[in-house]
Amino acid sequence: MRIVILGALMLTLASAVVLYSSNYDTRQLEARVEEQERAIDKARGDIAVLKAERAHLGRPERIEPLARALGLGPASEQQLAATPEAALARAQAPSSVASQKKGN
């Protein structure tokens, strides 16, 4: 009978150690998950701020006076390309761009 009681006591102690270890690991994982959730929330907040800043900086009524002050204007028909291939060909021909600038 003593052997059975001693075995049950050892089994109970072993179970307690396993449960304590499992509980400790679970708490550590929960802490890491909470930390990652805080980092995600911070990143989302940063993204929202950056989107708002981009929207503010990209407003046409803000950009137009700055562009005019730099001497920029709307694109003329000669500057527009009919196809992407034509635009690529024009971009790869720097001598034609330089001669157009000299002519203007």
PDB file of N, CA and C in Angstrom:
ATOM      1  N   MET A   1       0.807  -1.183   0.000  1.00  0.00           N
ATOM      2  CA  MET A   1       0.000   0.000   0.000  1.00  0.00           C
ATOM      3  C   MET A   1       0.864   1.268   0.000  1.00  0.00           C
ATOM      4  N   ARG A   2       1.958   1.217   0.774  1.00  0.00           N
ATOM      5  CA  ARG A   2       2.843   2.383   0.818  1.00  0.00           C
ATOM      6  C   ARG A   2       3.428   2.693  -0.553  1.00  0.00           C
ATOM      7  N   ILE A   3       3.705   1.683  -1.326  1.00  0.00           N
ATOM      8  CA  ILE A   3       4.290   1.885  -2.639  1.00  0.00           C
ATOM      9  C   ILE A   3       3.292   2.618  -3.538  1.00  0.00           C
ATOM     10  N   VAL A   4       2.035   2.280  -3.431  1.00  0.00           N
ATOM     11  CA  VAL A   4       1.010   2.923  -4.240  1.00  0.00           C
ATOM     12  C   VAL A   4       0.883   4.401  -3.845  1.00  0.00           C
ATOM     13  N   ILE A   5       0.874   4.662  -2.535  1.00  0.00           N
ATOM     14  CA  ILE A   5       0.765   6.042  -2.049  1.00  0.00           C
ATOM     15  C   ILE A   5       2.008   6.831  -2.456  1.00  0.00           C
ATOM     16  N   LEU A   6       3.179   6.233  -2.315  1.00  0.00           N
ATOM     17  CA  LEU A   6       4.422   6.903  -2.710  1.00  0.00           C
ATOM     18  C   LEU A   6       4.444   7.166  -4.220  1.00  0.00           C
ATOM     19  N   GLY A   7       3.977   6.216  -5.004  1.00  0.00           N
ATOM     20  CA  GLY A   7       3.903   6.394  -6.456  1.00  0.00           C
ATOM     21  C   GLY A   7       2.928   7.509  -6.825  1.00  0.00           C
ATOM     22  N   ALA A   8       1.795   7.557  -6.152  1.00  0.00           N
ATOM     23  CA  ALA A   8       0.808   8.602  -6.413  1.00  0.00           C
ATOM     24  C   ALA A   8       1.367   9.970  -6.028  1.00  0.00           C
ATOM     25  N   LEU A   9       2.094  10.024  -4.926  1.00  0.00           N
ATOM     26  CA  LEU A   9       2.708  11.283  -4.497  1.00  0.00           C
ATOM     27  C   LEU A   9       3.746  11.747  -5.512  1.00  0.00           C
ATOM     28  N   MET A  10       4.565  10.858  -5.998  1.00  0.00           N
ATOM     29  CA  MET A  10       5.570  11.208  -7.012  1.00  0.00           C
ATOM     30  C   MET A  10       4.895  11.656  -8.311  1.00  0.00           C
ATOM     31  N   LEU A  11       3.852  10.959  -8.698  1.00  0.00           N
ATOM     32  CA  LEU A  11       3.116  11.323  -9.893  1.00  0.00           C
ATOM     33  C   LEU A  11       2.473  12.709  -9.737  1.00  0.00           C
ATOM     34  N   THR A  12       1.963  12.994  -8.543  1.00  0.00           N
ATOM     35  CA  THR A  12       1.369  14.305  -8.273  1.00  0.00           C
ATOM     36  C   THR A  12       2.425  15.394  -8.347  1.00  0.00           C
ATOM     37  N   LEU A  13       3.582  15.159  -7.770  1.00  0.00           N
ATOM     38  CA  LEU A  13       4.667  16.145  -7.812  1.00  0.00           C
ATOM     39  C   LEU A  13       5.158  16.360  -9.255  1.00  0.00           C
ATOM     40  N   ALA A  14       5.294  15.302  -9.987  1.00  0.00           N
ATOM     41  CA  ALA A  14       5.734  15.414 -11.375  1.00  0.00           C
ATOM     42  C   ALA A  14       4.699  16.188 -12.197  1.00  0.00           C
ATOM     43  N   SER A  15       3.430  15.906 -11.962  1.00  0.00           N
ATOM     44  CA  SER A  15       2.370  16.645 -12.653  1.00  0.00           C
ATOM     45  C   SER A  15       2.415  18.126 -12.296  1.00  0.00           C
ATOM     46  N   ALA A  16       2.665  18.436 -11.036  1.00  0.00           N
ATOM     47  CA  ALA A  16       2.735  19.831 -10.599  1.00  0.00           C
ATOM     48  C   ALA A  16       3.888  20.552 -11.296  1.00  0.00           C
ATOM     49  N   VAL A  17       5.030  19.888 -11.409  1.00  0.00           N
ATOM     50  CA  VAL A  17       6.180  20.494 -12.072  1.00  0.00           C
ATOM     51  C   VAL A  17       5.877  20.723 -13.554  1.00  0.00           C
ATOM     52  N   VAL A  18       5.279  19.760 -14.209  1.00  0.00           N
ATOM     53  CA  VAL A  18       4.944  19.899 -15.626  1.00  0.00           C
ATOM     54  C   VAL A  18       3.931  21.019 -15.826  1.00  0.00           C
ATOM     55  N   LEU A  19       2.913  21.080 -14.972  1.00  0.00           N
ATOM     56  CA  LEU A  19       1.904  22.144 -15.084  1.00  0.00           C
ATOM     57  C   LEU A  19       2.516  23.515 -14.817  1.00  0.00           C
ATOM     58  N   TYR A  20       3.392  23.626 -13.825  1.00  0.00           N
ATOM     59  CA  TYR A  20       4.043  24.901 -13.534  1.00  0.00           C
ATOM     60  C   TYR A  20       4.893  25.343 -14.725  1.00  0.00           C
ATOM     61  N   SER A  21       5.641  24.421 -15.282  1.00  0.00           N
ATOM     62  CA  SER A  21       6.482  24.732 -16.441  1.00  0.00           C
ATOM     63  C   SER A  21       5.627  25.167 -17.625  1.00  0.00           C
ATOM     64  N   SER A  22       4.545  24.451 -17.847  1.00  0.00           N
ATOM     65  CA  SER A  22       3.645  24.798 -18.944  1.00  0.00           C
ATOM     66  C   SER A  22       3.024  26.178 -18.721  1.00  0.00           C
ATOM     67  N   ASN A  23       2.635  26.471 -17.506  1.00  0.00           N
ATOM     68  CA  ASN A  23       2.060  27.768 -17.170  1.00  0.00           C
ATOM     69  C   ASN A  23       3.082  28.880 -17.384  1.00  0.00           C
ATOM     70  N   TYR A  24       4.306  28.650 -16.972  1.00  0.00           N
ATOM     71  CA  TYR A  24       5.377  29.640 -17.129  1.00  0.00           C
ATOM     72  C   TYR A  24       5.640  29.922 -18.614  1.00  0.00           C
ATOM     73  N   ASP A  25       5.722  28.863 -19.414  1.00  0.00           N
ATOM     74  CA  ASP A  25       5.939  29.029 -20.854  1.00  0.00           C
ATOM     75  C   ASP A  25       4.775  29.779 -21.505  1.00  0.00           C
ATOM     76  N   THR A  26       3.568  29.463 -21.075  1.00  0.00           N
ATOM     77  CA  THR A  26       2.390  30.140 -21.618  1.00  0.00           C
ATOM     78  C   THR A  26       2.429  31.626 -21.307  1.00  0.00           C
ATOM     79  N   ARG A  27       2.789  31.982 -20.101  1.00  0.00           N
ATOM     80  CA  ARG A  27       2.876  33.403 -19.735  1.00  0.00           C
ATOM     81  C   ARG A  27       3.951  34.123 -20.549  1.00  0.00           C
ATOM     82  N   GLN A  28       5.069  33.456 -20.789  1.00  0.00           N
ATOM     83  CA  GLN A  28       6.109  34.068 -21.615  1.00  0.00           C
ATOM     84  C   GLN A  28       5.613  34.293 -23.039  1.00  0.00           C
ATOM     85  N   LEU A  29       4.918  33.318 -23.594  1.00  0.00           N
ATOM     86  CA  LEU A  29       4.368  33.463 -24.947  1.00  0.00           C
ATOM     87  C   LEU A  29       3.327  34.578 -25.000  1.00  0.00           C
ATOM     88  N   GLU A  30       2.493  34.679 -23.979  1.00  0.00           N
ATOM     89  CA  GLU A  30       1.500  35.751 -23.935  1.00  0.00           C
ATOM     90  C   GLU A  30       2.177  37.115 -23.883  1.00  0.00           C
ATOM     91  N   ALA A  31       3.249  37.222 -23.120  1.00  0.00           N
ATOM     92  CA  ALA A  31       3.975  38.493 -23.033  1.00  0.00           C
ATOM     93  C   ALA A  31       4.577  38.855 -24.397  1.00  0.00           C
ATOM     94  N   ARG A  32       5.131  37.868 -25.107  1.00  0.00           N
ATOM     95  CA  ARG A  32       5.696  38.141 -26.435  1.00  0.00           C
ATOM     96  C   ARG A  32       4.614  38.554 -27.423  1.00  0.00           C
ATOM     97  N   VAL A  33       3.456  37.895 -27.344  1.00  0.00           N
ATOM     98  CA  VAL A  33       2.345  38.236 -28.239  1.00  0.00           C
ATOM     99  C   VAL A  33       1.877  39.663 -27.957  1.00  0.00           C
ATOM    100  N   GLU A  34       1.743  40.030 -26.692  1.00  0.00           N
ATOM    101  CA  GLU A  34       1.338  41.392 -26.341  1.00  0.00           C
ATOM    102  C   GLU A  34       2.356  42.413 -26.834  1.00  0.00           C
ATOM    103  N   GLU A  35       3.631  42.089 -26.710  1.00  0.00           N
ATOM    104  CA  GLU A  35       4.688  42.991 -27.192  1.00  0.00           C
ATOM    105  C   GLU A  35       4.594  43.169 -28.705  1.00  0.00           C
ATOM    106  N   GLN A  36       4.365  42.082 -29.424  1.00  0.00           N
ATOM    107  CA  GLN A  36       4.234  42.165 -30.873  1.00  0.00           C
ATOM    108  C   GLN A  36       2.972  42.929 -31.269  1.00  0.00           C
ATOM    109  N   GLU A  37       1.889  42.753 -30.521  1.00  0.00           N
ATOM    110  CA  GLU A  37       0.669  43.500 -30.806  1.00  0.00           C
ATOM    111  C   GLU A  37       0.885  44.996 -30.591  1.00  0.00           C
ATOM    112  N   ARG A  38       1.632  45.360 -29.551  1.00  0.00           N
ATOM    113  CA  ARG A  38       1.947  46.773 -29.327  1.00  0.00           C
ATOM    114  C   ARG A  38       2.793  47.317 -30.481  1.00  0.00           C
ATOM    115  N   ALA A  39       3.756  46.522 -30.948  1.00  0.00           N
ATOM    116  CA  ALA A  39       4.593  46.955 -32.070  1.00  0.00           C
ATOM    117  C   ALA A  39       3.748  47.117 -33.341  1.00  0.00           C
ATOM    118  N   ILE A  40       2.804  46.225 -33.549  1.00  0.00           N
ATOM    119  CA  ILE A  40       1.923  46.320 -34.719  1.00  0.00           C
ATOM    120  C   ILE A  40       1.065  47.575 -34.622  1.00  0.00           C
ATOM    121  N   ASP A  41       0.513  47.846 -33.440  1.00  0.00           N
ATOM    122  CA  ASP A  41      -0.302  49.049 -33.259  1.00  0.00           C
ATOM    123  C   ASP A  41       0.518  50.309 -33.501  1.00  0.00           C
ATOM    124  N   LYS A  42       1.767  50.305 -33.026  1.00  0.00           N
ATOM    125  CA  LYS A  42       2.639  51.464 -33.239  1.00  0.00           C
ATOM    126  C   LYS A  42       2.920  51.641 -34.726  1.00  0.00           C
ATOM    127  N   ALA A  43       3.201  50.527 -35.419  1.00  0.00           N
ATOM    128  CA  ALA A  43       3.467  50.602 -36.863  1.00  0.00           C
ATOM    129  C   ALA A  43       2.234  51.101 -37.614  1.00  0.00           C
ATOM    130  N   ARG A  44       1.043  50.646 -37.223  1.00  0.00           N
ATOM    131  CA  ARG A  44      -0.177  51.125 -37.873  1.00  0.00           C
ATOM    132  C   ARG A  44      -0.361  52.620 -37.638  1.00  0.00           C
ATOM    133  N   GLY A  45      -0.060  53.062 -36.424  1.00  0.00           N
ATOM    134  CA  GLY A  45      -0.144  54.496 -36.142  1.00  0.00           C
ATOM    135  C   GLY A  45       0.845  55.291 -36.980  1.00  0.00           C
ATOM    136  N   ASP A  46       2.056  54.771 -37.097  1.00  0.00           N
ATOM    137  CA  ASP A  46       3.075  55.439 -37.922  1.00  0.00           C
ATOM    138  C   ASP A  46       2.636  55.494 -39.389  1.00  0.00           C
ATOM    139  N   ILE A  47       2.038  54.418 -39.873  1.00  0.00           N
ATOM    140  CA  ILE A  47       1.562  54.380 -41.254  1.00  0.00           C
ATOM    141  C   ILE A  47       0.465  55.423 -41.457  1.00  0.00           C
ATOM    142  N   ALA A  48      -0.443  55.529 -40.484  1.00  0.00           N
ATOM    143  CA  ALA A  48      -1.516  56.521 -40.604  1.00  0.00           C
ATOM    144  C   ALA A  48      -0.954  57.938 -40.644  1.00  0.00           C
ATOM    145  N   VAL A  49       0.060  58.201 -39.808  1.00  0.00           N
ATOM    146  CA  VAL A  49       0.685  59.527 -39.808  1.00  0.00           C
ATOM    147  C   VAL A  49       1.365  59.797 -41.142  1.00  0.00           C
ATOM    148  N   LEU A  50       2.082  58.814 -41.667  1.00  0.00           N
ATOM    149  CA  LEU A  50       2.763  58.996 -42.948  1.00  0.00           C
ATOM    150  C   LEU A  50       1.773  59.211 -44.094  1.00  0.00           C
ATOM    151  N   LYS A  51       0.646  58.498 -44.067  1.00  0.00           N
ATOM    152  CA  LYS A  51      -0.366  58.699 -45.098  1.00  0.00           C
ATOM    153  C   LYS A  51      -0.939  60.108 -45.015  1.00  0.00           C
ATOM    154  N   ALA A  52      -1.178  60.585 -43.800  1.00  0.00           N
ATOM    155  CA  ALA A  52      -1.704  61.942 -43.637  1.00  0.00           C
ATOM    156  C   ALA A  52      -0.685  62.973 -44.119  1.00  0.00           C
ATOM    157  N   GLU A  53       0.584  62.760 -43.800  1.00  0.00           N
ATOM    158  CA  GLU A  53       1.621  63.685 -44.263  1.00  0.00           C
ATOM    159  C   GLU A  53       1.730  63.673 -45.783  1.00  0.00           C
ATOM    160  N   ARG A  54       1.660  62.490 -46.377  1.00  0.00           N
ATOM    161  CA  ARG A  54       1.728  62.389 -47.832  1.00  0.00           C
ATOM    162  C   ARG A  54       0.540  63.098 -48.474  1.00  0.00           C
ATOM    163  N   ALA A  55      -0.643  62.926 -47.891  1.00  0.00           N
ATOM    164  CA  ALA A  55      -1.830  63.602 -48.425  1.00  0.00           C
ATOM    165  C   ALA A  55      -1.677  65.116 -48.307  1.00  0.00           C
ATOM    166  N   HIS A  56      -1.117  65.564 -47.206  1.00  0.00           N
ATOM    167  CA  HIS A  56      -0.918  67.007 -47.018  1.00  0.00           C
ATOM    168  C   HIS A  56       0.118  67.549 -48.009  1.00  0.00           C
ATOM    169  N   LEU A  57       1.215  66.851 -48.159  1.00  0.00           N
ATOM    170  CA  LEU A  57       2.278  67.329 -49.044  1.00  0.00           C
ATOM    171  C   LEU A  57       1.911  67.203 -50.518  1.00  0.00           C
ATOM    172  N   GLY A  58       1.016  66.286 -50.860  1.00  0.00           N
ATOM    173  CA  GLY A  58       0.673  66.058 -52.255  1.00  0.00           C
ATOM    174  C   GLY A  58      -0.516  66.873 -52.750  1.00  0.00           C
ATOM    175  N   ARG A  59      -1.023  67.792 -51.948  1.00  0.00           N
ATOM    176  CA  ARG A  59      -2.169  68.600 -52.373  1.00  0.00           C
ATOM    177  C   ARG A  59      -1.776  69.487 -53.552  1.00  0.00           C
ATOM    178  N   PRO A  60      -2.580  69.484 -54.618  1.00  0.00           N
ATOM    179  CA  PRO A  60      -2.254  70.308 -55.790  1.00  0.00           C
ATOM    180  C   PRO A  60      -2.170  71.804 -55.474  1.00  0.00           C
ATOM    181  N   GLU A  61      -3.039  72.300 -54.586  1.00  0.00           N
ATOM    182  CA  GLU A  61      -3.002  73.731 -54.273  1.00  0.00           C
ATOM    183  C   GLU A  61      -1.734  74.118 -53.515  1.00  0.00           C
ATOM    184  N   ARG A  62      -1.054  73.152 -52.936  1.00  0.00           N
ATOM    185  CA  ARG A  62       0.223  73.421 -52.275  1.00  0.00           C
ATOM    186  C   ARG A  62       1.382  73.288 -53.259  1.00  0.00           C
ATOM    187  N   ILE A  63       1.287  72.316 -54.168  1.00  0.00           N
ATOM    188  CA  ILE A  63       2.379  72.053 -55.101  1.00  0.00           C
ATOM    189  C   ILE A  63       2.443  73.089 -56.226  1.00  0.00           C
ATOM    190  N   GLU A  64       1.282  73.533 -56.712  1.00  0.00           N
ATOM    191  CA  GLU A  64       1.270  74.425 -57.877  1.00  0.00           C
ATOM    192  C   GLU A  64       2.075  75.710 -57.655  1.00  0.00           C
ATOM    193  N   PRO A  65       1.899  76.451 -56.537  1.00  0.00           N
ATOM    194  CA  PRO A  65       2.712  77.659 -56.367  1.00  0.00           C
ATOM    195  C   PRO A  65       4.213  77.374 -56.279  1.00  0.00           C
ATOM    196  N   LEU A  66       4.547  76.244 -55.657  1.00  0.00           N
ATOM    197  CA  LEU A  66       5.963  75.872 -55.564  1.00  0.00           C
ATOM    198  C   LEU A  66       6.536  75.564 -56.941  1.00  0.00           C
ATOM    199  N   ALA A  67       5.760  74.852 -57.769  1.00  0.00           N
ATOM    200  CA  ALA A  67       6.216  74.528 -59.121  1.00  0.00           C
ATOM    201  C   ALA A  67       6.346  75.791 -59.963  1.00  0.00           C
ATOM    202  N   ARG A  68       5.386  76.686 -59.860  1.00  0.00           N
ATOM    203  CA  ARG A  68       5.456  77.953 -60.614  1.00  0.00           C
ATOM    204  C   ARG A  68       6.670  78.769 -60.189  1.00  0.00           C
ATOM    205  N   ALA A  69       6.981  78.765 -58.900  1.00  0.00           N
ATOM    206  CA  ALA A  69       8.145  79.506 -58.403  1.00  0.00           C
ATOM    207  C   ALA A  69       9.442  78.939 -58.981  1.00  0.00           C
ATOM    208  N   LEU A  70       9.452  77.648 -59.286  1.00  0.00           N
ATOM    209  CA  LEU A  70      10.621  77.018 -59.897  1.00  0.00           C
ATOM    210  C   LEU A  70      10.630  77.167 -61.412  1.00  0.00           C
ATOM    211  N   GLY A  71       9.609  77.794 -61.962  1.00  0.00           N
ATOM    212  CA  GLY A  71       9.550  77.985 -63.407  1.00  0.00           C
ATOM    213  C   GLY A  71       8.954  76.812 -64.144  1.00  0.00           C
ATOM    214  N   LEU A  72       8.262  75.937 -63.452  1.00  0.00           N
ATOM    215  CA  LEU A  72       7.642  74.778 -64.096  1.00  0.00           C
ATOM    216  C   LEU A  72       6.235  75.129 -64.538  1.00  0.00           C
ATOM    217  N   GLY A  73       5.779  74.468 -65.564  1.00  0.00           N
ATOM    218  CA  GLY A  73       4.438  74.699 -66.069  1.00  0.00           C
ATOM    219  C   GLY A  73       3.823  73.404 -66.532  1.00  0.00           C
ATOM    220  N   PRO A  74       2.597  73.472 -67.042  1.00  0.00           N
ATOM    221  CA  PRO A  74       1.958  72.253 -67.543  1.00  0.00           C
ATOM    222  C   PRO A  74       2.745  71.683 -68.723  1.00  0.00           C
ATOM    223  N   ALA A  75       2.635  70.376 -68.910  1.00  0.00           N
ATOM    224  CA  ALA A  75       3.331  69.716 -70.015  1.00  0.00           C
ATOM    225  C   ALA A  75       2.689  70.103 -71.340  1.00  0.00           C
ATOM    226  N   SER A  76       3.519  70.337 -72.337  1.00  0.00           N
ATOM    227  CA  SER A  76       3.002  70.651 -73.675  1.00  0.00           C
ATOM    228  C   SER A  76       2.789  69.347 -74.437  1.00  0.00           C
ATOM    229  N   GLU A  77       2.098  69.440 -75.564  1.00  0.00           N
ATOM    230  CA  GLU A  77       1.850  68.243 -76.364  1.00  0.00           C
ATOM    231  C   GLU A  77       3.143  67.629 -76.875  1.00  0.00           C
ATOM    232  N   GLN A  78       4.158  68.440 -77.106  1.00  0.00           N
ATOM    233  CA  GLN A  78       5.434  67.929 -77.609  1.00  0.00           C
ATOM    234  C   GLN A  78       6.151  67.094 -76.554  1.00  0.00           C
ATOM    235  N   GLN A  79       5.836  67.316 -75.299  1.00  0.00           N
ATOM    236  CA  GLN A  79       6.493  66.572 -74.224  1.00  0.00           C
ATOM    237  C   GLN A  79       5.813  65.232 -73.960  1.00  0.00           C
ATOM    238  N   LEU A  80       4.613  65.046 -74.432  1.00  0.00           N
ATOM    239  CA  LEU A  80       3.858  63.821 -74.176  1.00  0.00           C
ATOM    240  C   LEU A  80       4.167  62.777 -75.236  1.00  0.00           C
ATOM    241  N   ALA A  81       4.227  61.531 -74.832  1.00  0.00           N
ATOM    242  CA  ALA A  81       4.489  60.431 -75.758  1.00  0.00           C
ATOM    243  C   ALA A  81       3.197  59.657 -75.981  1.00  0.00           C
ATOM    244  N   ALA A  82       3.005  59.172 -77.191  1.00  0.00           N
ATOM    245  CA  ALA A  82       1.788  58.437 -77.532  1.00  0.00           C
ATOM    246  C   ALA A  82       1.786  57.038 -76.916  1.00  0.00           C
ATOM    247  N   THR A  83       2.946  56.412 -76.837  1.00  0.00           N
ATOM    248  CA  THR A  83       3.041  55.049 -76.313  1.00  0.00           C
ATOM    249  C   THR A  83       4.195  54.969 -75.319  1.00  0.00           C
ATOM    250  N   PRO A  84       4.189  53.963 -74.472  1.00  0.00           N
ATOM    251  CA  PRO A  84       5.321  53.780 -73.558  1.00  0.00           C
ATOM    252  C   PRO A  84       6.639  53.554 -74.306  1.00  0.00           C
ATOM    253  N   GLU A  85       6.562  52.902 -75.460  1.00  0.00           N
ATOM    254  CA  GLU A  85       7.781  52.672 -76.235  1.00  0.00           C
ATOM    255  C   GLU A  85       8.367  53.993 -76.726  1.00  0.00           C
ATOM    256  N   ALA A  86       7.496  54.904 -77.155  1.00  0.00           N
ATOM    257  CA  ALA A  86       7.967  56.213 -77.611  1.00  0.00           C
ATOM    258  C   ALA A  86       8.589  56.991 -76.454  1.00  0.00           C
ATOM    259  N   ALA A  87       8.006  56.869 -75.287  1.00  0.00           N
ATOM    260  CA  ALA A  87       8.560  57.544 -74.117  1.00  0.00           C
ATOM    261  C   ALA A  87       9.927  56.969 -73.766  1.00  0.00           C
ATOM    262  N   LEU A  88      10.063  55.652 -73.861  1.00  0.00           N
ATOM    263  CA  LEU A  88      11.346  55.018 -73.584  1.00  0.00           C
ATOM    264  C   LEU A  88      12.393  55.435 -74.604  1.00  0.00           C
ATOM    265  N   ALA A  89      12.008  55.480 -75.871  1.00  0.00           N
ATOM    266  CA  ALA A  89      12.951  55.899 -76.916  1.00  0.00           C
ATOM    267  C   ALA A  89      13.388  57.337 -76.689  1.00  0.00           C
ATOM    268  N   ARG A  90      12.448  58.186 -76.305  1.00  0.00           N
ATOM    269  CA  ARG A  90      12.782  59.588 -76.044  1.00  0.00           C
ATOM    270  C   ARG A  90      13.704  59.709 -74.826  1.00  0.00           C
ATOM    271  N   ALA A  91      13.461  58.890 -73.831  1.00  0.00           N
ATOM    272  CA  ALA A  91      14.288  58.947 -72.629  1.00  0.00           C
ATOM    273  C   ALA A  91      15.699  58.435 -72.889  1.00  0.00           C
ATOM    274  N   GLN A  92      15.848  57.511 -73.813  1.00  0.00           N
ATOM    275  CA  GLN A  92      17.158  56.948 -74.107  1.00  0.00           C
ATOM    276  C   GLN A  92      17.944  57.780 -75.108  1.00  0.00           C
ATOM    277  N   ALA A  93      17.370  58.834 -75.624  1.00  0.00           N
ATOM    278  CA  ALA A  93      18.048  59.704 -76.588  1.00  0.00           C
ATOM    279  C   ALA A  93      18.339  61.048 -75.915  1.00  0.00           C
ATOM    280  N   PRO A  94      19.401  61.136 -75.102  1.00  0.00           N
ATOM    281  CA  PRO A  94      19.675  62.377 -74.385  1.00  0.00           C
ATOM    282  C   PRO A  94      20.079  63.531 -75.307  1.00  0.00           C
ATOM    283  N   SER A  95      20.623  63.233 -76.476  1.00  0.00           N
ATOM    284  CA  SER A  95      21.047  64.311 -77.378  1.00  0.00           C
ATOM    285  C   SER A  95      19.838  65.091 -77.894  1.00  0.00           C
ATOM    286  N   SER A  96      18.711  64.417 -78.129  1.00  0.00           N
ATOM    287  CA  SER A  96      17.530  65.121 -78.614  1.00  0.00           C
ATOM    288  C   SER A  96      16.957  66.016 -77.523  1.00  0.00           C
ATOM    289  N   VAL A  97      17.031  65.608 -76.285  1.00  0.00           N
ATOM    290  CA  VAL A  97      16.537  66.424 -75.178  1.00  0.00           C
ATOM    291  C   VAL A  97      17.431  67.658 -75.021  1.00  0.00           C
ATOM    292  N   ALA A  98      18.730  67.475 -75.152  1.00  0.00           N
ATOM    293  CA  ALA A  98      19.662  68.607 -75.024  1.00  0.00           C
ATOM    294  C   ALA A  98      19.438  69.604 -76.153  1.00  0.00           C
ATOM    295  N   SER A  99      19.185  69.112 -77.366  1.00  0.00           N
ATOM    296  CA  SER A  99      18.976  70.036 -78.486  1.00  0.00           C
ATOM    297  C   SER A  99      17.651  70.764 -78.342  1.00  0.00           C
ATOM    298  N   GLN A 100      16.637  70.131 -77.759  1.00  0.00           N
ATOM    299  CA  GLN A 100      15.375  70.798 -77.524  1.00  0.00           C
ATOM    300  C   GLN A 100      15.523  71.894 -76.488  1.00  0.00           C
ATOM    301  N   LYS A 101      16.327  71.649 -75.472  1.00  0.00           N
ATOM    302  CA  LYS A 101      16.553  72.649 -74.430  1.00  0.00           C
ATOM    303  C   LYS A 101      17.301  73.862 -74.999  1.00  0.00           C
ATOM    304  N   LYS A 102      18.264  73.610 -75.878  1.00  0.00           N
ATOM    305  CA  LYS A 102      19.022  74.705 -76.485  1.00  0.00           C
ATOM    306  C   LYS A 102      18.135  75.530 -77.397  1.00  0.00           C
ATOM    307  N   GLY A 103      17.170  74.865 -78.058  1.00  0.00           N
ATOM    308  CA  GLY A 103      16.279  75.559 -78.978  1.00  0.00           C
ATOM    309  C   GLY A 103      15.280  76.443 -78.236  1.00  0.00           C
ATOM    310  N   ASN A 104      14.900  76.093 -77.010  1.00  0.00           N
ATOM    311  CA  ASN A 104      13.921  76.859 -76.234  1.00  0.00           C
ATOM    312  C   ASN A 104      14.570  77.945 -75.512  1.00  0.00           C
TER     313      ASN A 104
END
